Amino acid sequence: MRKLLLLCLTAGIVLFTQTDLKAQQTYKNALGGRLGTANGITFKTFMTGDRALDFILNFSDNNNVSTFRFTGLYEIHNDINNAPGLRWYYGPGATVGSRKDKSHDDSDLLVSIDGVLGLDYKFNGAPINLALDWKPAIEITPNTEFDAEGFGLSIRFTF
């Protein structure tokens, strides 16, 4: 967890200190990977200039437990003054999925209410987008609990 936090802080500092790179939010769609607490595939599409849908699909297989999750987020993006191409965003979302315990041959439905808070950067002249965010969730099933460990770095190709 410390390594992930250090990675996220480093990426944030790099994004803020790249003053010689001119960037702008000029993409409609982006597809790539999400690295962090839950690695997966991410697809973001803008509906308007500042409203986007972000979909995350991930699988994990840890300690004899397999997990599949599909997350949908509604994001509202805001410009950051004097930082072309860099925006901050927030929004609500939800997750559905399944968790299978192989040792007990037992599976559960996963449902959670999610939120997101992050930074989004589009490189000018390159089809690359980076997003660094925190995605906390309130799990509704199979257990009711708060998950605050949803940090991630998305690296996507834009089109």
C-alpha atoms as a PDB file:
ATOM      1  CA  MET A   1       0.000   0.000   0.000  1.00  0.00           C
ATOM      2  CA  ARG A   2       2.907   2.354   0.743  1.00  0.00           C
ATOM      3  CA  LYS A   3       4.385   1.732  -2.698  1.00  0.00           C
ATOM      4  CA  LEU A   4       1.032   2.530  -4.341  1.00  0.00           C
ATOM      5  CA  LEU A   5       0.675   5.751  -2.345  1.00  0.00           C
ATOM      6  CA  LEU A   6       4.250   6.753  -3.261  1.00  0.00           C
ATOM      7  CA  LEU A   7       3.514   5.994  -6.944  1.00  0.00           C
ATOM      8  CA  CYS A   8       0.341   8.106  -6.838  1.00  0.00           C
ATOM      9  CA  LEU A   9       2.092  11.039  -5.142  1.00  0.00           C
ATOM     10  CA  THR A  10       4.991  10.865  -7.610  1.00  0.00           C
ATOM     11  CA  ALA A  11       2.636  10.818 -10.600  1.00  0.00           C
ATOM     12  CA  GLY A  12       0.742  13.801  -9.169  1.00  0.00           C
ATOM     13  CA  ILE A  13       3.952  15.790  -8.685  1.00  0.00           C
ATOM     14  CA  VAL A  14       5.107  14.957 -12.214  1.00  0.00           C
ATOM     15  CA  LEU A  15       1.771  16.110 -13.635  1.00  0.00           C
ATOM     16  CA  PHE A  16       1.944  19.422 -11.774  1.00  0.00           C
ATOM     17  CA  THR A  17       5.606  20.142 -12.605  1.00  0.00           C
ATOM     18  CA  GLN A  18       5.483  19.525 -16.370  1.00  0.00           C
ATOM     19  CA  THR A  19       5.248  23.222 -17.241  1.00  0.00           C
ATOM     20  CA  ASP A  20       7.185  22.879 -20.493  1.00  0.00           C
ATOM     21  CA  LEU A  21       4.644  20.435 -21.933  1.00  0.00           C
ATOM     22  CA  LYS A  22       1.546  22.034 -23.355  1.00  0.00           C
ATOM     23  CA  ALA A  23      -1.482  19.853 -22.927  1.00  0.00           C
ATOM     24  CA  GLN A  24      -5.179  20.103 -23.492  1.00  0.00           C
ATOM     25  CA  GLN A  25      -8.325  18.093 -22.906  1.00  0.00           C
ATOM     26  CA  THR A  26      -9.120  17.359 -26.544  1.00  0.00           C
ATOM     27  CA  TYR A  27     -10.204  13.750 -26.600  1.00  0.00           C
ATOM     28  CA  LYS A  28     -13.607  12.132 -26.851  1.00  0.00           C
ATOM     29  CA  ASN A  29     -12.742   8.530 -25.897  1.00  0.00           C
ATOM     30  CA  ALA A  30      -9.876   6.807 -24.112  1.00  0.00           C
ATOM     31  CA  LEU A  31      -9.083   3.121 -23.582  1.00  0.00           C
ATOM     32  CA  GLY A  32      -6.346   1.597 -21.437  1.00  0.00           C
ATOM     33  CA  GLY A  33      -5.350   0.036 -18.154  1.00  0.00           C
ATOM     34  CA  ARG A  34      -5.884   0.940 -14.526  1.00  0.00           C
ATOM     35  CA  LEU A  35      -3.125   0.086 -12.061  1.00  0.00           C
ATOM     36  CA  GLY A  36      -3.585   0.219  -8.330  1.00  0.00           C
ATOM     37  CA  THR A  37      -5.643  -1.421  -5.648  1.00  0.00           C
ATOM     38  CA  ALA A  38      -7.647  -3.252  -8.322  1.00  0.00           C
ATOM     39  CA  ASN A  39      -5.941  -3.564 -11.707  1.00  0.00           C
ATOM     40  CA  GLY A  40      -8.176  -3.609 -14.750  1.00  0.00           C
ATOM     41  CA  ILE A  41      -9.283  -2.192 -18.083  1.00  0.00           C
ATOM     42  CA  THR A  42     -10.791   1.286 -18.305  1.00  0.00           C
ATOM     43  CA  PHE A  43     -12.798   3.088 -20.990  1.00  0.00           C
ATOM     44  CA  LYS A  44     -13.719   6.773 -20.652  1.00  0.00           C
ATOM     45  CA  THR A  45     -16.037   8.667 -22.970  1.00  0.00           C
ATOM     46  CA  PHE A  46     -17.059  12.319 -22.788  1.00  0.00           C
ATOM     47  CA  MET A  47     -20.732  13.085 -23.289  1.00  0.00           C
ATOM     48  CA  THR A  48     -20.116  16.865 -23.199  1.00  0.00           C
ATOM     49  CA  GLY A  49     -17.039  19.015 -22.638  1.00  0.00           C
ATOM     50  CA  ASP A  50     -16.992  18.419 -18.895  1.00  0.00           C
ATOM     51  CA  ARG A  51     -19.167  15.300 -18.322  1.00  0.00           C
ATOM     52  CA  ALA A  52     -17.784  11.814 -18.837  1.00  0.00           C
ATOM     53  CA  LEU A  53     -18.611   8.172 -18.221  1.00  0.00           C
ATOM     54  CA  ASP A  54     -15.765   5.958 -17.028  1.00  0.00           C
ATOM     55  CA  PHE A  55     -16.137   2.165 -17.064  1.00  0.00           C
ATOM     56  CA  ILE A  56     -13.708  -0.122 -15.247  1.00  0.00           C
ATOM     57  CA  LEU A  57     -13.568  -3.900 -15.623  1.00  0.00           C
ATOM     58  CA  ASN A  58     -11.288  -5.909 -13.353  1.00  0.00           C
ATOM     59  CA  PHE A  59     -10.552  -9.447 -12.290  1.00  0.00           C
ATOM     60  CA  SER A  60      -8.468 -10.673  -9.383  1.00  0.00           C
ATOM     61  CA  ASP A  61      -7.491 -14.049  -8.004  1.00  0.00           C
ATOM     62  CA  ASN A  62      -5.970 -13.803  -4.524  1.00  0.00           C
ATOM     63  CA  ASN A  63      -5.739 -16.329  -1.710  1.00  0.00           C
ATOM     64  CA  ASN A  64      -8.161 -18.786  -3.318  1.00  0.00           C
ATOM     65  CA  VAL A  65     -10.759 -16.036  -3.900  1.00  0.00           C
ATOM     66  CA  SER A  66     -11.663 -14.916  -7.440  1.00  0.00           C
ATOM     67  CA  THR A  67     -13.307 -11.544  -7.926  1.00  0.00           C
ATOM     68  CA  PHE A  68     -14.902  -9.926 -10.992  1.00  0.00           C
ATOM     69  CA  ARG A  69     -16.104  -6.294 -10.909  1.00  0.00           C
ATOM     70  CA  PHE A  70     -17.694  -3.903 -13.383  1.00  0.00           C
ATOM     71  CA  THR A  71     -17.767  -0.252 -12.283  1.00  0.00           C
ATOM     72  CA  GLY A  72     -19.507   2.686 -13.933  1.00  0.00           C
ATOM     73  CA  LEU A  73     -18.661   6.255 -12.914  1.00  0.00           C
ATOM     74  CA  TYR A  74     -20.260   9.569 -13.883  1.00  0.00           C
ATOM     75  CA  GLU A  75     -17.517  12.204 -13.786  1.00  0.00           C
ATOM     76  CA  ILE A  76     -17.681  15.998 -13.763  1.00  0.00           C
ATOM     77  CA  HIS A  77     -14.409  17.560 -14.955  1.00  0.00           C
ATOM     78  CA  ASN A  78     -13.167  21.029 -13.992  1.00  0.00           C
ATOM     79  CA  ASP A  79     -10.242  23.025 -15.380  1.00  0.00           C
ATOM     80  CA  ILE A  80      -7.241  23.923 -13.233  1.00  0.00           C
ATOM     81  CA  ASN A  81      -6.047  27.494 -13.824  1.00  0.00           C
ATOM     82  CA  ASN A  82      -2.646  27.848 -15.543  1.00  0.00           C
ATOM     83  CA  ALA A  83      -2.427  24.094 -16.156  1.00  0.00           C
ATOM     84  CA  PRO A  84      -3.483  23.353 -19.749  1.00  0.00           C
ATOM     85  CA  GLY A  85      -4.655  19.785 -20.232  1.00  0.00           C
ATOM     86  CA  LEU A  86      -4.945  19.111 -16.508  1.00  0.00           C
ATOM     87  CA  ARG A  87      -8.389  18.821 -14.970  1.00  0.00           C
ATOM     88  CA  TRP A  88      -9.737  17.595 -11.661  1.00  0.00           C
ATOM     89  CA  TYR A  89     -12.899  15.526 -11.494  1.00  0.00           C
ATOM     90  CA  TYR A  90     -15.385  13.992  -9.116  1.00  0.00           C
ATOM     91  CA  GLY A  91     -18.572  11.994  -9.314  1.00  0.00           C
ATOM     92  CA  PRO A  92     -20.767   9.088  -8.238  1.00  0.00           C
ATOM     93  CA  GLY A  93     -20.907   5.537  -9.522  1.00  0.00           C
ATOM     94  CA  ALA A  94     -21.708   1.924  -8.764  1.00  0.00           C
ATOM     95  CA  THR A  95     -20.129  -1.517  -9.007  1.00  0.00           C
ATOM     96  CA  VAL A  96     -21.617  -4.959  -9.641  1.00  0.00           C
ATOM     97  CA  GLY A  97     -19.697  -8.187  -9.672  1.00  0.00           C
ATOM     98  CA  SER A  98     -19.082 -11.524  -8.069  1.00  0.00           C
ATOM     99  CA  ARG A  99     -16.734 -13.062  -5.540  1.00  0.00           C
ATOM    100  CA  LYS A 100     -16.036 -16.813  -5.524  1.00  0.00           C
ATOM    101  CA  ASP A 101     -14.308 -18.585  -2.664  1.00  0.00           C
ATOM    102  CA  LYS A 102     -12.729 -21.663  -4.285  1.00  0.00           C
ATOM    103  CA  SER A 103     -11.966 -23.395  -0.988  1.00  0.00           C
ATOM    104  CA  HIS A 104     -15.657 -23.448   0.024  1.00  0.00           C
ATOM    105  CA  ASP A 105     -17.147 -23.548  -3.483  1.00  0.00           C
ATOM    106  CA  ASP A 106     -19.180 -20.486  -2.521  1.00  0.00           C
ATOM    107  CA  SER A 107     -19.993 -17.354  -4.529  1.00  0.00           C
ATOM    108  CA  ASP A 108     -21.487 -14.006  -3.623  1.00  0.00           C
ATOM    109  CA  LEU A 109     -22.940 -11.092  -5.542  1.00  0.00           C
ATOM    110  CA  LEU A 110     -20.968  -7.853  -5.117  1.00  0.00           C
ATOM    111  CA  VAL A 111     -22.786  -4.507  -5.182  1.00  0.00           C
ATOM    112  CA  SER A 112     -21.354  -1.171  -4.084  1.00  0.00           C
ATOM    113  CA  ILE A 113     -21.997   2.543  -4.318  1.00  0.00           C
ATOM    114  CA  ASP A 114     -18.829   4.305  -5.435  1.00  0.00           C
ATOM    115  CA  GLY A 115     -17.430   7.789  -5.641  1.00  0.00           C
ATOM    116  CA  VAL A 116     -14.405   9.168  -7.449  1.00  0.00           C
ATOM    117  CA  LEU A 117     -12.047  12.135  -7.001  1.00  0.00           C
ATOM    118  CA  GLY A 118      -9.069  12.580  -9.291  1.00  0.00           C
ATOM    119  CA  LEU A 119      -6.828  14.345 -11.778  1.00  0.00           C
ATOM    120  CA  ASP A 120      -6.959  13.858 -15.564  1.00  0.00           C
ATOM    121  CA  TYR A 121      -4.152  14.893 -17.943  1.00  0.00           C
ATOM    122  CA  LYS A 122      -4.098  14.743 -21.763  1.00  0.00           C
ATOM    123  CA  PHE A 123      -0.734  15.219 -23.478  1.00  0.00           C
ATOM    124  CA  ASN A 124      -0.813  17.666 -26.382  1.00  0.00           C
ATOM    125  CA  GLY A 125       0.318  16.073 -29.631  1.00  0.00           C
ATOM    126  CA  ALA A 126       0.229  12.532 -28.254  1.00  0.00           C
ATOM    127  CA  PRO A 127      -2.748  10.188 -27.912  1.00  0.00           C
ATOM    128  CA  ILE A 128      -2.040   9.582 -24.223  1.00  0.00           C
ATOM    129  CA  ASN A 129      -4.178  10.321 -21.180  1.00  0.00           C
ATOM    130  CA  LEU A 130      -3.208   9.805 -17.543  1.00  0.00           C
ATOM    131  CA  ALA A 131      -5.650   9.814 -14.653  1.00  0.00           C
ATOM    132  CA  LEU A 132      -4.807   9.540 -10.981  1.00  0.00           C
ATOM    133  CA  ASP A 133      -7.772   9.017  -8.685  1.00  0.00           C
ATOM    134  CA  TRP A 134      -9.263   7.779  -5.462  1.00  0.00           C
ATOM    135  CA  LYS A 135     -12.389   5.629  -5.745  1.00  0.00           C
ATOM    136  CA  PRO A 136     -13.895   4.908  -2.317  1.00  0.00           C
ATOM    137  CA  ALA A 137     -16.868   2.542  -2.135  1.00  0.00           C
ATOM    138  CA  ILE A 138     -19.597   1.483   0.242  1.00  0.00           C
ATOM    139  CA  GLU A 139     -20.108  -2.226  -0.268  1.00  0.00           C
ATOM    140  CA  ILE A 140     -23.745  -3.234   0.087  1.00  0.00           C
ATOM    141  CA  THR A 141     -23.467  -6.980  -0.529  1.00  0.00           C
ATOM    142  CA  PRO A 142     -22.231  -9.504   0.526  1.00  0.00           C
ATOM    143  CA  ASN A 143     -21.070  -7.451   3.549  1.00  0.00           C
ATOM    144  CA  THR A 144     -21.821  -3.846   4.378  1.00  0.00           C
ATOM    145  CA  GLU A 145     -18.507  -2.037   4.738  1.00  0.00           C
ATOM    146  CA  PHE A 146     -16.589   1.030   3.614  1.00  0.00           C
ATOM    147  CA  ASP A 147     -13.619   0.499   1.283  1.00  0.00           C
ATOM    148  CA  ALA A 148     -11.286   3.507   1.191  1.00  0.00           C
ATOM    149  CA  GLU A 149      -8.414   1.773  -0.646  1.00  0.00           C
ATOM    150  CA  GLY A 150      -9.490   2.479  -4.237  1.00  0.00           C
ATOM    151  CA  PHE A 151      -6.410   4.380  -5.455  1.00  0.00           C
ATOM    152  CA  GLY A 152      -5.469   3.984  -9.098  1.00  0.00           C
ATOM    153  CA  LEU A 153      -3.472   5.291 -12.035  1.00  0.00           C
ATOM    154  CA  SER A 154      -5.075   4.931 -15.474  1.00  0.00           C
ATOM    155  CA  ILE A 155      -2.943   5.054 -18.608  1.00  0.00           C
ATOM    156  CA  ARG A 156      -5.083   5.298 -21.734  1.00  0.00           C
ATOM    157  CA  PHE A 157      -4.837   5.834 -25.481  1.00  0.00           C
ATOM    158  CA  THR A 158      -7.171   8.546 -26.740  1.00  0.00           C
ATOM    159  CA  PHE A 159      -9.240   8.590 -29.907  1.00  0.00           C
END
